[in-house]
Amino acid sequence: MEKQLIGVLLLNMGGPDNQADVAPFLYNLFSDREIIRLGPPWLQKPLAWYIARKRAGKSRQAYASIGGGSPLKRLTMHQAQCLQDSLRDEGAYTVAIAMRYWQPRAAEAILSLLSRDIERIIALTLYPHYSRATTGSSVMDLKTEMDRLCPGMPCDTIESWSDHPLYIDALIDAINQGLNRFDSQDVQIVYSAHSLPVSFIREGDPYVDHILRTLRIIEKRTGRTGRLCYQSRSGPVEWLSPSTPEMIETLAREGVKNILMVPISFVSDHIETLYEIDILYKSQAEKLGIRLRSSPALNSHPSLIACLKDLVLQRSRQ
């Protein structure tokens, strides 16, 4: 009996490949009402266009400082290839990527899988901690395109994996690598997660609970406690606190001299790690007399790939 050919889609945010892509990428981002609601629905896209043009200059400078564009597509493609290789002896799987706000979008990814005669899709988020603004929006977009392009195609979604043991293994290894950079000095571990509007949490979004679940497991296994903060605020609404800059100022007042910053909600390097943490927050800390270093992003860490493989195999056998 021939094995069912399963298409695996890794869902991620995406990012501009080069300077010319920055404004269109921002437009796609701000057009999504699952992230931010810009007035009534009919005003969303015009306001998104205005905000994207207004912010594009500053964003281009940030991307220029990390090479001109986001590495996220390249890194996600490498994760997909590593996952494909790891699944080679497990059955008939083909792995592709779908970005929410840049290419390849969900429709392109679906058509690519359909051209390979897949019979089922497993969509696996690369956000370990669920939020409607990340996984929720990506899954909604994927299902809309599947209803249009291949109605009736079976599709399973894996929407969070904040406590998977192999994910925790990868994080602990990254933390230990980061701590080794301080030569046995006292170090304060700071977990920096992407921020969300407080209204999301009040409406039942489980994102913070998922983050805390991950931290509790790490702290139990390592015996080391850390401080949690949130980065990448955008817009005049109430955001989760404390912000990462606020946390750095607090630790400076407490006399902390060394910070290991762990990008807890990111599994790949992109603008939030390479620019915000490694440039902006590092500079802020240095001015306050603090040595700040970040733990390495997981990217294609063997334990992360093993985690993704296990998630796919568990779901495909259901």
Foldseek 3Di string as FASTA:
>chain_A
DAFAAEEEEEEFADKDPFLVCQLQLQLLLQLDVLAPDDPDNVCSNVVSNVVSVVCSVVVQVLCVVVPGMWCVVVLVVVLQVLLCVVCVPVHNYHYDYAHRRDPPHLLNRVVVVVVVVHQAYEYEYPFQFAFCSILVSNVVRNVVSCCVPPPPRHYHYDGHRLPPPLVLVLQLVLVVVLVVVVVPDDEAEEEEEAKGFVVRVVVPTCRVVSLVVNQVVNCVVPVDHHHYAYEDDDDPGHMDDDHPLVVLVVVLVVVEAEYEYEHRRHQDDTSCCVRVQPPVVCVSNVVSNHHYDYGDRNSNPVSVSVSVNVVVVVVVVD
